[in-house]
Amino acid sequence: MIPPATTPGPLRALAAGTADAAVGESGAPEIFLWVVLPYIALTMFVAGHVWRYRYDKFGWTTRSSQLHESRLLRIGSPLFHFGILVVLIGHIGGLVIPKSWTEAAGISEHTYHVTAVVLGTIAGISTLAGIAILVYRRRTVGPVFLATTRNDKFMYVLLVLAIVLGLVATVAANVVGGGYDYRTTISPWFRGIFFFQPDPALMAGAPVLFQLHALSALALFAAWPFTRLVHMLTAPLGYLTRPYIVYRSRDVQLGSRGPRRGWERV
């Protein structure tokens, strides 16, 4: 009889990112929050996009409001989009790439930590400033406000909540506090989801702000397919560099013929 293996397989090792990742005891609340809930959000994210593309292709759009106002849009939109792009790249690098890989590549923990904190804080502030301008624009510009749906308002609440919690968690733990290495806890838990081996004990031991940030992100991804955020999956790169839509109005006088007598133009 072959004895059971005592060392983790390649998939489990990749998910853990470290050979000595401990698996702790977890109760029902931890299992629901950090095992069940992520799979619910992931299912809604994937199935929702399939449903939306199949039954609502014409609604798969940004519903641009540039026609109503462009001055604030030209400031807030680049700040938000370029900021969120850097934030996403940082999250992918920190959550997907194991710590052992960056160390094997010659990147020390100190170098990685300083780079991640500095770039992440700058990108987070840029993203927050951009979305603040966009929300202010939607609230103060009449035509834009009238074009804003309840779905948009709900989306903005989830988006702002995730951004604020992530920025506050980063500053509180790594700028004001003594530092927190999420790559030994949150990252292995995140990778474990895709290998069907999530360890809820890793997230249960994380700081509360990081837990709240993760929960807000799960809520955002669950609602993602049913909001205007779906446009990100259609043209995520070209959208950043595309020119603004040019709107032109008709001339008051068309051609060389003068206006006929009658009603005044409004």
Protein backbone atom coordinates (compact mmCIF):
# COMPACT_ATOMS: atom_id res chain seq x y z
CA MET A 1 0.00 0.00 0.00
CA ILE A 2 1.39 3.38 -1.04
CA PRO A 3 1.49 5.87 1.89
CA PRO A 4 -0.13 9.28 1.34
CA ALA A 5 2.16 12.04 0.14
CA THR A 6 3.41 14.34 2.88
CA THR A 7 4.53 17.14 0.59
CA PRO A 8 2.15 19.38 -1.37
CA GLY A 9 1.70 18.71 -5.06
CA PRO A 10 2.77 21.25 -7.70
CA LEU A 11 -0.65 22.88 -7.86
CA ARG A 12 -0.91 23.23 -4.09
CA ALA A 13 2.64 24.53 -3.88
CA LEU A 14 1.89 27.14 -6.55
CA ALA A 15 -1.30 28.16 -4.76
CA ALA A 16 0.50 28.47 -1.43
CA GLY A 17 3.54 30.25 -2.78
CA THR A 18 5.55 28.96 0.16
CA ALA A 19 6.46 25.49 1.30
CA ASP A 20 5.46 26.00 4.92
CA ALA A 21 2.08 27.70 4.49
CA ALA A 22 0.01 26.63 7.43
CA VAL A 23 -3.55 25.46 7.17
CA GLY A 24 -5.49 26.39 10.29
CA GLU A 25 -8.81 25.46 11.78
CA SER A 26 -11.75 27.50 10.50
CA GLY A 27 -15.34 27.77 11.62
CA ALA A 28 -18.53 28.13 9.58
CA PRO A 29 -18.37 31.96 9.27
CA GLU A 30 -14.78 31.87 7.97
CA ILE A 31 -15.64 29.08 5.51
CA PHE A 32 -18.62 31.03 4.19
CA LEU A 33 -16.74 34.33 3.86
CA TRP A 34 -13.49 33.01 2.40
CA VAL A 35 -14.54 29.82 0.57
CA VAL A 36 -18.22 29.93 -0.36
CA LEU A 37 -18.57 33.66 -1.04
CA PRO A 38 -15.59 33.88 -3.45
CA TYR A 39 -17.03 31.09 -5.60
CA ILE A 40 -20.45 32.77 -5.61
CA ALA A 41 -18.83 36.02 -6.79
CA LEU A 42 -16.70 34.20 -9.38
CA THR A 43 -19.74 32.33 -10.73
CA MET A 44 -21.76 35.54 -11.00
CA PHE A 45 -18.83 37.29 -12.70
CA VAL A 46 -18.41 34.62 -15.39
CA ALA A 47 -22.05 33.62 -15.88
CA GLY A 48 -23.19 37.25 -15.75
CA HIS A 49 -20.89 38.25 -18.60
CA VAL A 50 -22.05 35.29 -20.69
CA TRP A 51 -25.69 36.18 -20.06
CA ARG A 52 -25.09 39.89 -20.71
CA TYR A 53 -23.30 39.22 -24.00
CA ARG A 54 -25.97 36.79 -25.12
CA TYR A 55 -29.07 38.77 -24.23
CA ASP A 56 -27.95 42.41 -23.91
CA LYS A 57 -25.34 43.08 -26.58
CA PHE A 58 -26.69 46.54 -27.31
CA GLY A 59 -26.42 47.40 -23.62
CA TRP A 60 -22.73 46.42 -23.57
CA THR A 61 -21.51 49.99 -23.74
CA THR A 62 -20.03 52.79 -21.67
CA ARG A 63 -23.06 55.00 -22.35
CA SER A 64 -20.73 57.96 -22.78
CA SER A 65 -21.99 61.28 -21.45
CA GLN A 66 -19.37 63.41 -23.17
CA LEU A 67 -22.11 65.02 -25.25
CA HIS A 68 -23.49 66.66 -22.10
CA GLU A 69 -20.19 67.85 -20.55
CA SER A 70 -16.53 67.37 -21.47
CA ARG A 71 -14.42 69.77 -19.36
CA LEU A 72 -14.54 67.78 -16.11
CA LEU A 73 -14.55 64.52 -18.05
CA ARG A 74 -11.20 65.34 -19.63
CA ILE A 75 -9.69 65.71 -16.16
CA GLY A 76 -11.38 62.94 -14.21
CA SER A 77 -11.42 60.21 -16.85
CA PRO A 78 -7.63 59.97 -17.44
CA LEU A 79 -6.92 60.19 -13.71
CA PHE A 80 -9.31 57.34 -12.98
CA HIS A 81 -8.50 55.05 -15.91
CA PHE A 82 -4.72 55.28 -15.78
CA GLY A 83 -4.79 55.07 -11.99
CA ILE A 84 -7.01 51.98 -11.95
CA LEU A 85 -4.83 50.36 -14.62
CA VAL A 86 -1.76 50.66 -12.37
CA VAL A 87 -3.80 49.40 -9.41
CA LEU A 88 -4.91 46.33 -11.37
CA ILE A 89 -1.36 45.57 -12.54
CA GLY A 90 -0.14 45.87 -8.95
CA HIS A 91 -2.86 43.54 -7.68
CA ILE A 92 -2.09 40.97 -10.35
CA GLY A 93 1.61 41.10 -9.52
CA GLY A 94 1.03 40.86 -5.78
CA LEU A 95 -1.74 38.27 -5.72
CA VAL A 96 -0.89 36.01 -8.64
CA ILE A 97 2.92 35.89 -8.60
CA PRO A 98 4.22 33.93 -5.57
CA LYS A 99 6.70 35.60 -3.27
CA SER A 100 9.26 32.86 -3.93
CA TRP A 101 9.25 33.73 -7.65
CA THR A 102 10.15 37.39 -7.12
CA GLU A 103 12.88 36.40 -4.66
CA ALA A 104 14.25 33.89 -7.19
CA ALA A 105 14.30 36.71 -9.77
CA GLY A 106 16.58 38.71 -7.47
CA ILE A 107 13.95 41.16 -6.19
CA SER A 108 14.40 41.58 -2.46
CA GLU A 109 11.44 41.88 -0.12
CA HIS A 110 12.45 45.45 0.79
CA THR A 111 12.64 46.54 -2.86
CA TYR A 112 9.31 44.94 -3.68
CA HIS A 113 7.66 46.40 -0.59
CA VAL A 114 8.85 49.98 -1.17
CA THR A 115 7.99 49.88 -4.88
CA ALA A 116 4.54 48.42 -4.25
CA VAL A 117 3.69 50.89 -1.48
CA VAL A 118 4.89 53.99 -3.37
CA LEU A 119 3.34 53.13 -6.73
CA GLY A 120 0.20 51.71 -5.12
CA THR A 121 -0.38 54.80 -3.00
CA ILE A 122 0.15 57.18 -5.94
CA ALA A 123 -2.11 55.10 -8.20
CA GLY A 124 -4.74 54.82 -5.46
CA ILE A 125 -4.79 58.57 -4.89
CA SER A 126 -5.01 59.18 -8.65
CA THR A 127 -7.88 56.72 -8.97
CA LEU A 128 -9.72 58.20 -6.01
CA ALA A 129 -9.25 61.76 -7.29
CA GLY A 130 -10.46 60.75 -10.74
CA ILE A 131 -13.59 59.01 -9.53
CA ALA A 132 -14.30 61.91 -7.15
CA ILE A 133 -14.29 64.30 -10.12
CA LEU A 134 -16.51 61.95 -12.13
CA VAL A 135 -19.01 61.58 -9.28
CA TYR A 136 -19.00 65.35 -8.73
CA ARG A 137 -19.64 65.81 -12.45
CA ARG A 138 -22.57 63.39 -12.40
CA ARG A 139 -24.07 65.11 -9.39
CA THR A 140 -23.68 68.74 -10.48
CA VAL A 141 -24.16 68.67 -14.27
CA GLY A 142 -27.90 68.50 -14.89
CA PRO A 143 -28.04 66.45 -18.11
CA VAL A 144 -25.43 63.99 -16.81
CA PHE A 145 -27.33 63.61 -13.54
CA LEU A 146 -30.57 62.91 -15.40
CA ALA A 147 -28.79 60.26 -17.48
CA THR A 148 -27.47 58.53 -14.34
CA THR A 149 -29.45 55.41 -13.46
CA ARG A 150 -29.86 53.63 -10.13
CA ASN A 151 -27.57 50.97 -11.52
CA ASP A 152 -24.87 53.60 -12.05
CA LYS A 153 -25.24 54.91 -8.50
CA PHE A 154 -24.98 51.40 -7.06
CA MET A 155 -21.90 50.75 -9.18
CA TYR A 156 -20.23 53.96 -8.01
CA VAL A 157 -20.88 53.06 -4.36
CA LEU A 158 -19.23 49.64 -4.73
CA LEU A 159 -16.35 51.05 -6.75
CA VAL A 160 -15.60 53.91 -4.35
CA LEU A 161 -15.91 51.58 -1.36
CA ALA A 162 -13.38 49.11 -2.78
CA ILE A 163 -10.94 51.89 -3.74
CA VAL A 164 -11.16 53.70 -0.40
CA LEU A 165 -10.80 50.52 1.67
CA GLY A 166 -7.81 49.38 -0.39
CA LEU A 167 -6.08 52.75 -0.10
CA VAL A 168 -6.78 53.05 3.63
CA ALA A 169 -5.59 49.49 4.27
CA THR A 170 -2.34 50.12 2.39
CA VAL A 171 -1.61 53.41 4.14
CA ALA A 172 -2.62 52.16 7.60
CA ALA A 173 -0.57 48.97 7.40
CA ASN A 174 2.47 49.94 5.35
CA VAL A 175 2.84 53.71 5.73
CA VAL A 176 1.55 54.53 9.20
CA GLY A 177 1.83 51.04 10.70
CA GLY A 178 4.73 48.65 10.97
CA GLY A 179 4.04 46.90 7.67
CA TYR A 180 2.04 43.85 6.62
CA ASP A 181 3.20 41.25 4.12
CA TYR A 182 -0.03 40.20 2.43
CA ARG A 183 1.88 37.91 0.05
CA THR A 184 2.20 35.30 2.82
CA THR A 185 -1.52 35.20 3.65
CA ILE A 186 -3.91 36.90 1.23
CA SER A 187 -2.00 35.96 -1.93
CA PRO A 188 -1.89 32.20 -1.17
CA TRP A 189 -5.60 32.31 -0.30
CA PHE A 190 -6.39 34.10 -3.57
CA ARG A 191 -4.41 31.62 -5.69
CA GLY A 192 -5.97 28.74 -3.78
CA ILE A 193 -9.41 29.76 -5.06
CA PHE A 194 -8.43 28.94 -8.65
CA PHE A 195 -6.89 25.61 -7.60
CA PHE A 196 -9.97 24.74 -5.52
CA GLN A 197 -7.87 24.72 -2.35
CA PRO A 198 -8.61 28.03 -0.57
CA ASP A 199 -7.50 28.16 3.04
CA PRO A 200 -9.93 30.39 4.97
CA ALA A 201 -7.56 30.52 7.96
CA LEU A 202 -5.16 32.65 5.92
CA MET A 203 -7.77 35.37 5.43
CA ALA A 204 -9.20 35.01 8.92
CA GLY A 205 -5.81 36.05 10.29
CA ALA A 206 -5.45 39.08 8.00
CA PRO A 207 -6.03 42.64 9.31
CA VAL A 208 -9.66 43.75 9.36
CA LEU A 209 -9.12 46.49 6.76
CA PHE A 210 -7.72 43.96 4.29
CA GLN A 211 -10.66 41.65 4.97
CA LEU A 212 -13.13 44.48 4.33
CA HIS A 213 -11.28 45.40 1.14
CA ALA A 214 -11.48 41.78 -0.06
CA LEU A 215 -15.20 41.57 0.72
CA SER A 216 -15.90 44.85 -1.09
CA ALA A 217 -13.94 43.55 -4.08
CA LEU A 218 -16.02 40.34 -4.11
CA ALA A 219 -19.22 42.40 -4.07
CA LEU A 220 -17.89 44.56 -6.91
CA PHE A 221 -16.96 41.57 -9.07
CA ALA A 222 -20.34 39.93 -8.42
CA ALA A 223 -22.17 43.05 -9.63
CA TRP A 224 -19.67 43.81 -12.42
CA PRO A 225 -21.46 42.07 -15.35
CA PHE A 226 -24.68 43.93 -14.65
CA THR A 227 -23.16 47.43 -14.76
CA ARG A 228 -21.45 49.63 -17.36
CA LEU A 229 -18.11 48.18 -16.16
CA VAL A 230 -18.51 45.41 -18.74
CA HIS A 231 -16.97 47.73 -21.34
CA MET A 232 -13.58 47.09 -19.73
CA LEU A 233 -13.51 43.56 -21.16
CA THR A 234 -14.17 44.68 -24.73
CA ALA A 235 -11.41 47.22 -25.30
CA PRO A 236 -9.34 47.70 -22.14
CA LEU A 237 -6.24 49.06 -23.91
CA GLY A 238 -7.60 50.97 -26.86
CA TYR A 239 -10.05 52.75 -24.59
CA LEU A 240 -7.17 54.49 -22.80
CA THR A 241 -5.62 55.96 -25.95
CA ARG A 242 -8.64 56.47 -28.19
CA PRO A 243 -9.47 60.10 -29.09
CA TYR A 244 -12.52 61.70 -27.57
CA ILE A 245 -15.68 61.59 -29.63
CA VAL A 246 -15.96 64.79 -31.65
CA TYR A 247 -19.40 66.40 -31.69
CA ARG A 248 -20.14 69.21 -34.15
CA SER A 249 -23.19 71.41 -34.37
CA ARG A 250 -24.79 72.71 -37.52
CA ASP A 251 -24.00 76.19 -38.71
CA VAL A 252 -26.67 78.76 -38.10
CA GLN A 253 -26.77 79.50 -41.84
CA LEU A 254 -26.49 76.66 -44.35
CA GLY A 255 -25.05 77.46 -47.75
CA SER A 256 -25.13 80.91 -49.33
CA ARG A 257 -28.88 81.39 -49.27
CA GLY A 258 -30.14 83.67 -46.53
CA PRO A 259 -32.79 82.62 -44.06
CA ARG A 260 -36.41 82.86 -45.18
CA ARG A 261 -38.95 84.98 -43.43
CA GLY A 262 -40.84 83.19 -40.70
CA TRP A 263 -40.34 81.99 -37.16
CA GLU A 264 -37.16 83.01 -35.37
CA ARG A 265 -34.59 80.35 -34.68
CA VAL A 266 -34.65 79.00 -31.11
